[in-house]
Amino acid sequence: MATEKVEDSIGVDPSKLNPLSPEVISRQATINIGTIGHVAHGKSTVVKAISGVQTVRFKNELERNITIKLGYANAKIYKCENADCPRPGCYKSYRSDKEDNPPCERAGCGGRMKLQRHVSFVDCPGHDILMATMLN
């Protein structure tokens, strides 16, 4: 039985890959963003608005409406390929499980979205007594 290299099975030359290659950003977040700020200033809300992922997951966090442990979320950021699609509406973010070329959701556009970036968010706690969690 012959063994096949991964790069041969997906048709990619590893020497030509970089962090912005579509083959890379489709599968792996290449930018890490940490949300740091004072308590109740909307860090988790911003992450959820961009990624669609609720980073506050533990029961005691939900009950108290605070981030205690680090939260993680990935998002893919797209731009419509239709030149007539106006800014900022030509940009859209989705969860990281979204396909690479979804249709543009703007009414009457008809274009397709092209993956621009795949980012990973680390949602940090804002209470001063929880700063050690963020710094470790």
N, C-alpha and C. Protein backbone atom coordinates (compact mmCIF):
# COMPACT_ATOMS: atom_id res chain seq x y z
N MET A 1 0.84 -1.18 0.00
CA MET A 1 0.00 0.00 0.00
C MET A 1 0.89 1.24 0.00
N ALA A 2 0.68 2.13 -0.95
CA ALA A 2 1.48 3.34 -1.06
C ALA A 2 0.97 4.40 -0.09
N THR A 3 1.90 5.14 0.47
CA THR A 3 1.51 6.24 1.35
C THR A 3 1.50 7.53 0.54
N GLU A 4 0.46 8.31 0.72
CA GLU A 4 0.30 9.55 -0.02
C GLU A 4 0.55 10.72 0.93
N LYS A 5 1.34 11.69 0.51
CA LYS A 5 1.59 12.87 1.31
C LYS A 5 0.33 13.74 1.35
N VAL A 6 0.15 14.41 2.46
CA VAL A 6 -1.02 15.27 2.63
C VAL A 6 -1.05 16.34 1.55
N GLU A 7 0.10 16.97 1.27
CA GLU A 7 0.11 18.04 0.26
C GLU A 7 -0.26 17.54 -1.13
N ASP A 8 0.05 16.25 -1.42
CA ASP A 8 -0.35 15.68 -2.70
C ASP A 8 -1.85 15.44 -2.76
N SER A 9 -2.44 15.04 -1.63
CA SER A 9 -3.87 14.73 -1.61
C SER A 9 -4.74 15.98 -1.74
N ILE A 10 -4.22 17.14 -1.33
CA ILE A 10 -5.02 18.36 -1.45
C ILE A 10 -4.50 19.28 -2.56
N GLY A 11 -3.44 18.87 -3.25
CA GLY A 11 -2.93 19.62 -4.39
C GLY A 11 -2.30 20.94 -4.04
N VAL A 12 -1.55 20.99 -2.94
CA VAL A 12 -0.94 22.24 -2.49
C VAL A 12 0.57 22.05 -2.35
N ASP A 13 1.33 23.01 -2.84
CA ASP A 13 2.78 23.01 -2.68
C ASP A 13 3.10 23.77 -1.39
N PRO A 14 3.58 23.08 -0.34
CA PRO A 14 3.83 23.73 0.95
C PRO A 14 4.80 24.91 0.87
N SER A 15 5.71 24.89 -0.08
CA SER A 15 6.68 25.99 -0.18
C SER A 15 6.03 27.29 -0.65
N LYS A 16 4.83 27.22 -1.19
CA LYS A 16 4.14 28.41 -1.68
C LYS A 16 3.06 28.92 -0.71
N LEU A 17 2.95 28.29 0.45
CA LEU A 17 1.95 28.71 1.42
C LEU A 17 2.47 29.86 2.28
N ASN A 18 1.57 30.76 2.66
CA ASN A 18 1.88 31.82 3.61
C ASN A 18 0.62 32.06 4.45
N PRO A 19 0.69 32.88 5.50
CA PRO A 19 -0.47 33.07 6.36
C PRO A 19 -1.72 33.63 5.68
N LEU A 20 -1.58 34.20 4.49
CA LEU A 20 -2.75 34.74 3.79
C LEU A 20 -3.20 33.87 2.63
N SER A 21 -2.57 32.72 2.44
CA SER A 21 -2.98 31.80 1.37
C SER A 21 -4.39 31.29 1.67
N PRO A 22 -5.26 31.25 0.65
CA PRO A 22 -6.62 30.75 0.88
C PRO A 22 -6.65 29.35 1.47
N GLU A 23 -5.69 28.50 1.09
CA GLU A 23 -5.65 27.13 1.62
C GLU A 23 -5.35 27.12 3.12
N VAL A 24 -4.63 28.14 3.60
CA VAL A 24 -4.29 28.23 5.02
C VAL A 24 -5.43 28.87 5.80
N ILE A 25 -5.87 30.06 5.38
CA ILE A 25 -6.88 30.77 6.17
C ILE A 25 -8.24 30.07 6.14
N SER A 26 -8.46 29.21 5.18
CA SER A 26 -9.69 28.45 5.15
C SER A 26 -9.76 27.46 6.31
N ARG A 27 -8.62 26.95 6.71
CA ARG A 27 -8.57 25.88 7.72
C ARG A 27 -8.09 26.32 9.09
N GLN A 28 -7.35 27.44 9.16
CA GLN A 28 -6.70 27.81 10.41
C GLN A 28 -6.73 29.33 10.60
N ALA A 29 -7.09 29.77 11.79
CA ALA A 29 -7.02 31.19 12.10
C ALA A 29 -5.55 31.62 12.10
N THR A 30 -5.25 32.73 11.44
CA THR A 30 -3.87 33.19 11.34
C THR A 30 -3.62 34.50 12.08
N ILE A 31 -4.66 35.07 12.67
CA ILE A 31 -4.53 36.29 13.47
C ILE A 31 -5.18 36.03 14.82
N ASN A 32 -4.47 36.34 15.90
CA ASN A 32 -5.01 36.19 17.25
C ASN A 32 -5.28 37.58 17.83
N ILE A 33 -6.48 37.75 18.38
CA ILE A 33 -6.88 39.03 18.96
C ILE A 33 -7.34 38.79 20.39
N GLY A 34 -6.73 39.49 21.34
CA GLY A 34 -7.14 39.41 22.74
C GLY A 34 -7.98 40.61 23.10
N THR A 35 -9.14 40.39 23.70
CA THR A 35 -9.98 41.51 24.14
C THR A 35 -9.65 41.80 25.59
N ILE A 36 -9.14 42.99 25.82
CA ILE A 36 -8.73 43.40 27.16
C ILE A 36 -9.40 44.74 27.45
N GLY A 37 -9.96 44.87 28.63
CA GLY A 37 -10.59 46.13 29.00
C GLY A 37 -11.24 46.02 30.36
N HIS A 38 -11.83 47.12 30.79
CA HIS A 38 -12.48 47.17 32.09
C HIS A 38 -13.75 46.31 32.08
N VAL A 39 -14.18 45.92 33.25
CA VAL A 39 -15.37 45.09 33.40
C VAL A 39 -16.60 45.81 32.83
N ALA A 40 -17.47 45.05 32.19
CA ALA A 40 -18.75 45.51 31.65
C ALA A 40 -18.61 46.57 30.56
N HIS A 41 -17.53 46.50 29.80
CA HIS A 41 -17.36 47.43 28.68
C HIS A 41 -17.64 46.78 27.33
N GLY A 42 -18.16 45.54 27.33
CA GLY A 42 -18.62 44.93 26.10
C GLY A 42 -17.64 44.06 25.35
N LYS A 43 -16.61 43.56 26.01
CA LYS A 43 -15.61 42.71 25.34
C LYS A 43 -16.26 41.44 24.79
N SER A 44 -16.99 40.72 25.61
CA SER A 44 -17.65 39.48 25.18
C SER A 44 -18.73 39.76 24.14
N THR A 45 -19.41 40.88 24.26
CA THR A 45 -20.45 41.26 23.31
C THR A 45 -19.87 41.52 21.93
N VAL A 46 -18.72 42.19 21.88
CA VAL A 46 -18.06 42.46 20.59
C VAL A 46 -17.63 41.15 19.94
N VAL A 47 -17.04 40.25 20.74
CA VAL A 47 -16.60 38.96 20.19
C VAL A 47 -17.79 38.19 19.64
N LYS A 48 -18.90 38.18 20.38
CA LYS A 48 -20.09 37.47 19.90
C LYS A 48 -20.66 38.11 18.63
N ALA A 49 -20.64 39.44 18.56
CA ALA A 49 -21.16 40.13 17.37
C ALA A 49 -20.34 39.81 16.13
N ILE A 50 -19.04 39.67 16.29
CA ILE A 50 -18.17 39.38 15.14
C ILE A 50 -18.17 37.90 14.79
N SER A 51 -18.07 37.04 15.80
CA SER A 51 -17.89 35.60 15.55
C SER A 51 -19.17 34.79 15.60
N GLY A 52 -20.19 35.30 16.26
CA GLY A 52 -21.41 34.52 16.45
C GLY A 52 -21.29 33.47 17.54
N VAL A 53 -20.19 33.52 18.30
CA VAL A 53 -19.92 32.53 19.34
C VAL A 53 -20.03 33.19 20.71
N GLN A 54 -20.80 32.58 21.60
CA GLN A 54 -20.91 33.04 22.98
C GLN A 54 -19.71 32.52 23.75
N THR A 55 -18.82 33.41 24.19
CA THR A 55 -17.59 32.97 24.88
C THR A 55 -17.80 32.74 26.36
N VAL A 56 -18.86 33.30 26.93
CA VAL A 56 -19.18 33.06 28.33
C VAL A 56 -20.00 31.78 28.37
N ARG A 57 -19.41 30.70 28.89
CA ARG A 57 -20.05 29.38 28.78
C ARG A 57 -20.35 28.69 30.10
N PHE A 58 -19.71 29.10 31.15
CA PHE A 58 -19.87 28.38 32.41
C PHE A 58 -21.04 28.94 33.21
N LYS A 59 -21.70 28.06 33.97
CA LYS A 59 -22.92 28.42 34.68
C LYS A 59 -22.71 29.63 35.60
N ASN A 60 -21.62 29.62 36.37
CA ASN A 60 -21.41 30.73 37.30
C ASN A 60 -21.12 32.04 36.55
N GLU A 61 -20.53 31.96 35.36
CA GLU A 61 -20.30 33.16 34.56
C GLU A 61 -21.63 33.69 34.01
N LEU A 62 -22.47 32.79 33.54
CA LEU A 62 -23.77 33.19 32.99
C LEU A 62 -24.67 33.80 34.07
N GLU A 63 -24.66 33.19 35.27
CA GLU A 63 -25.49 33.69 36.36
C GLU A 63 -25.06 35.09 36.79
N ARG A 64 -23.74 35.32 36.84
CA ARG A 64 -23.21 36.60 37.31
C ARG A 64 -22.96 37.59 36.17
N ASN A 65 -23.12 37.12 34.92
CA ASN A 65 -22.90 37.94 33.72
C ASN A 65 -21.50 38.55 33.69
N ILE A 66 -20.50 37.72 34.02
CA ILE A 66 -19.11 38.17 33.94
C ILE A 66 -18.26 37.05 33.34
N THR A 67 -17.12 37.43 32.78
CA THR A 67 -16.16 36.46 32.27
C THR A 67 -15.18 36.16 33.39
N ILE A 68 -15.06 34.87 33.75
CA ILE A 68 -14.12 34.45 34.78
C ILE A 68 -12.96 33.70 34.15
N LYS A 69 -13.27 32.79 33.25
CA LYS A 69 -12.23 32.02 32.54
C LYS A 69 -12.08 32.60 31.14
N LEU A 70 -10.93 32.35 30.54
CA LEU A 70 -10.71 32.83 29.17
C LEU A 70 -11.73 32.20 28.23
N GLY A 71 -12.26 32.99 27.33
CA GLY A 71 -13.18 32.50 26.32
C GLY A 71 -12.51 32.52 24.96
N TYR A 72 -12.89 31.60 24.09
CA TYR A 72 -12.27 31.50 22.77
C TYR A 72 -13.35 31.45 21.69
N ALA A 73 -13.06 32.11 20.58
CA ALA A 73 -13.98 32.09 19.43
C ALA A 73 -13.19 32.39 18.16
N ASN A 74 -13.55 31.73 17.08
CA ASN A 74 -12.95 31.99 15.77
C ASN A 74 -13.99 32.60 14.86
N ALA A 75 -13.53 33.41 13.91
CA ALA A 75 -14.43 34.02 12.93
C ALA A 75 -13.72 34.14 11.60
N LYS A 76 -14.51 33.99 10.53
CA LYS A 76 -14.00 34.23 9.18
C LYS A 76 -14.58 35.56 8.70
N ILE A 77 -13.73 36.38 8.09
CA ILE A 77 -14.14 37.68 7.58
C ILE A 77 -14.09 37.65 6.06
N TYR A 78 -15.19 38.04 5.44
CA TYR A 78 -15.35 37.96 3.99
C TYR A 78 -15.57 39.35 3.40
N LYS A 79 -15.30 39.45 2.09
CA LYS A 79 -15.63 40.65 1.31
C LYS A 79 -16.31 40.20 0.03
N CYS A 80 -17.39 40.90 -0.34
CA CYS A 80 -18.11 40.57 -1.57
C CYS A 80 -17.23 40.88 -2.77
N GLU A 81 -17.23 39.96 -3.74
CA GLU A 81 -16.42 40.14 -4.95
C GLU A 81 -17.08 41.07 -5.96
N ASN A 82 -18.35 41.39 -5.77
CA ASN A 82 -19.07 42.29 -6.67
C ASN A 82 -18.60 43.73 -6.42
N ALA A 83 -18.02 44.37 -7.43
CA ALA A 83 -17.49 45.73 -7.29
C ALA A 83 -18.59 46.75 -6.97
N ASP A 84 -19.85 46.42 -7.29
CA ASP A 84 -20.96 47.33 -7.03
C ASP A 84 -21.51 47.21 -5.61
N CYS A 85 -21.02 46.27 -4.85
CA CYS A 85 -21.47 46.08 -3.46
C CYS A 85 -20.79 47.16 -2.61
N PRO A 86 -21.55 48.10 -2.00
CA PRO A 86 -20.94 49.23 -1.30
C PRO A 86 -20.34 48.87 0.05
N ARG A 87 -19.33 49.64 0.44
CA ARG A 87 -18.74 49.51 1.76
C ARG A 87 -19.64 50.20 2.77
N PRO A 88 -19.74 49.82 3.98
CA PRO A 88 -19.12 48.67 4.62
C PRO A 88 -19.92 47.39 4.46
N GLY A 89 -21.06 47.47 3.74
CA GLY A 89 -21.93 46.30 3.59
C GLY A 89 -21.32 45.16 2.82
N CYS A 90 -20.22 45.42 2.11
CA CYS A 90 -19.57 44.35 1.34
C CYS A 90 -18.75 43.43 2.24
N TYR A 91 -18.58 43.81 3.52
CA TYR A 91 -17.84 42.97 4.47
C TYR A 91 -18.83 42.26 5.39
N LYS A 92 -18.51 41.03 5.75
CA LYS A 92 -19.37 40.24 6.63
C LYS A 92 -18.51 39.23 7.38
N SER A 93 -18.85 38.98 8.62
CA SER A 93 -18.13 37.95 9.39
C SER A 93 -19.09 36.83 9.75
N TYR A 94 -18.53 35.62 9.83
CA TYR A 94 -19.29 34.42 10.17
C TYR A 94 -18.47 33.56 11.12
N ARG A 95 -19.13 32.56 11.67
CA ARG A 95 -18.42 31.54 12.46
C ARG A 95 -17.38 30.86 11.57
N SER A 96 -16.42 30.21 12.17
CA SER A 96 -15.33 29.61 11.39
C SER A 96 -15.74 28.36 10.62
N ASP A 97 -16.95 27.84 10.85
CA ASP A 97 -17.37 26.66 10.10
C ASP A 97 -18.08 27.01 8.79
N LYS A 98 -18.14 28.29 8.44
CA LYS A 98 -18.78 28.74 7.20
C LYS A 98 -17.92 28.36 5.99
N GLU A 99 -18.58 28.03 4.87
CA GLU A 99 -17.85 27.68 3.65
C GLU A 99 -17.04 28.89 3.16
N ASP A 100 -16.13 28.65 2.21
CA ASP A 100 -15.19 29.69 1.79
C ASP A 100 -15.77 30.74 0.84
N ASN A 101 -16.81 30.44 0.09
CA ASN A 101 -17.39 31.39 -0.86
C ASN A 101 -18.91 31.43 -0.77
N PRO A 102 -19.46 31.90 0.36
CA PRO A 102 -20.92 31.97 0.47
C PRO A 102 -21.47 33.11 -0.40
N PRO A 103 -22.77 33.06 -0.72
CA PRO A 103 -23.36 34.17 -1.48
C PRO A 103 -23.48 35.42 -0.61
N CYS A 104 -23.39 36.58 -1.25
CA CYS A 104 -23.55 37.85 -0.54
C CYS A 104 -25.00 37.96 -0.08
N GLU A 105 -25.20 38.41 1.15
CA GLU A 105 -26.55 38.50 1.73
C GLU A 105 -27.23 39.83 1.43
N ARG A 106 -26.52 40.77 0.84
CA ARG A 106 -27.11 42.07 0.53
C ARG A 106 -28.16 41.91 -0.57
N ALA A 107 -29.32 42.46 -0.36
CA ALA A 107 -30.43 42.32 -1.31
C ALA A 107 -30.05 42.87 -2.69
N GLY A 108 -30.25 42.07 -3.71
CA GLY A 108 -30.00 42.48 -5.08
C GLY A 108 -28.56 42.43 -5.53
N CYS A 109 -27.65 41.99 -4.69
CA CYS A 109 -26.22 41.98 -5.05
C CYS A 109 -25.90 40.84 -6.00
N GLY A 110 -26.17 39.62 -5.60
CA GLY A 110 -25.90 38.46 -6.44
C GLY A 110 -24.45 38.04 -6.48
N GLY A 111 -23.58 38.75 -5.78
CA GLY A 111 -22.16 38.40 -5.75
C GLY A 111 -21.86 37.28 -4.77
N ARG A 112 -20.61 36.86 -4.76
CA ARG A 112 -20.16 35.84 -3.82
C ARG A 112 -19.12 36.48 -2.90
N MET A 113 -19.09 35.99 -1.68
CA MET A 113 -18.14 36.49 -0.69
C MET A 113 -16.82 35.75 -0.84
N LYS A 114 -15.71 36.47 -0.65
CA LYS A 114 -14.38 35.87 -0.71
C LYS A 114 -13.75 36.00 0.67
N LEU A 115 -13.21 34.89 1.16
CA LEU A 115 -12.58 34.87 2.48
C LEU A 115 -11.35 35.77 2.49
N GLN A 116 -11.31 36.72 3.45
CA GLN A 116 -10.20 37.66 3.57
C GLN A 116 -9.27 37.31 4.73
N ARG A 117 -9.86 36.97 5.88
CA ARG A 117 -9.08 36.66 7.08
C ARG A 117 -9.82 35.63 7.92
N HIS A 118 -9.06 34.89 8.70
CA HIS A 118 -9.60 33.94 9.67
C HIS A 118 -8.95 34.31 11.00
N VAL A 119 -9.73 34.82 11.93
CA VAL A 119 -9.18 35.34 13.18
C VAL A 119 -9.65 34.50 14.37
N SER A 120 -8.84 34.54 15.41
CA SER A 120 -9.14 33.84 16.66
C SER A 120 -9.19 34.88 17.78
N PHE A 121 -10.26 34.86 18.56
CA PHE A 121 -10.41 35.79 19.67
C PHE A 121 -10.16 35.08 20.99
N VAL A 122 -9.46 35.77 21.89
CA VAL A 122 -9.32 35.33 23.28
C VAL A 122 -10.03 36.40 24.10
N ASP A 123 -11.14 36.02 24.71
CA ASP A 123 -11.95 36.95 25.50
C ASP A 123 -11.47 36.88 26.94
N CYS A 124 -10.87 37.97 27.43
CA CYS A 124 -10.25 38.00 28.76
C CYS A 124 -11.19 38.62 29.79
N PRO A 125 -11.05 38.20 31.07
CA PRO A 125 -11.87 38.80 32.12
C PRO A 125 -11.46 40.25 32.37
N GLY A 126 -12.41 41.07 32.84
CA GLY A 126 -12.12 42.48 33.08
C GLY A 126 -12.01 42.87 34.54
N HIS A 127 -12.43 42.00 35.47
CA HIS A 127 -12.32 42.33 36.89
C HIS A 127 -10.86 42.31 37.32
N ASP A 128 -10.49 43.27 38.15
CA ASP A 128 -9.09 43.36 38.58
C ASP A 128 -8.63 42.12 39.33
N ILE A 129 -9.52 41.45 40.07
CA ILE A 129 -9.11 40.25 40.81
C ILE A 129 -8.90 39.05 39.89
N LEU A 130 -9.37 39.15 38.63
CA LEU A 130 -9.22 38.05 37.68
C LEU A 130 -8.12 38.31 36.66
N MET A 131 -7.37 39.38 36.82
CA MET A 131 -6.31 39.71 35.86
C MET A 131 -5.24 38.63 35.79
N ALA A 132 -5.02 37.91 36.86
CA ALA A 132 -4.01 36.84 36.84
C ALA A 132 -4.38 35.77 35.81
N THR A 133 -5.68 35.52 35.63
CA THR A 133 -6.13 34.55 34.61
C THR A 133 -5.69 35.01 33.24
N MET A 134 -5.84 36.30 32.98
CA MET A 134 -5.48 36.84 31.68
C MET A 134 -3.96 36.82 31.47
N LEU A 135 -3.20 37.11 32.49
CA LEU A 135 -1.75 37.25 32.35
C LEU A 135 -1.02 35.92 32.35
N ASN A 136 -1.63 34.86 32.83
CA ASN A 136 -0.94 33.56 32.87
C ASN A 136 -1.03 32.83 31.57
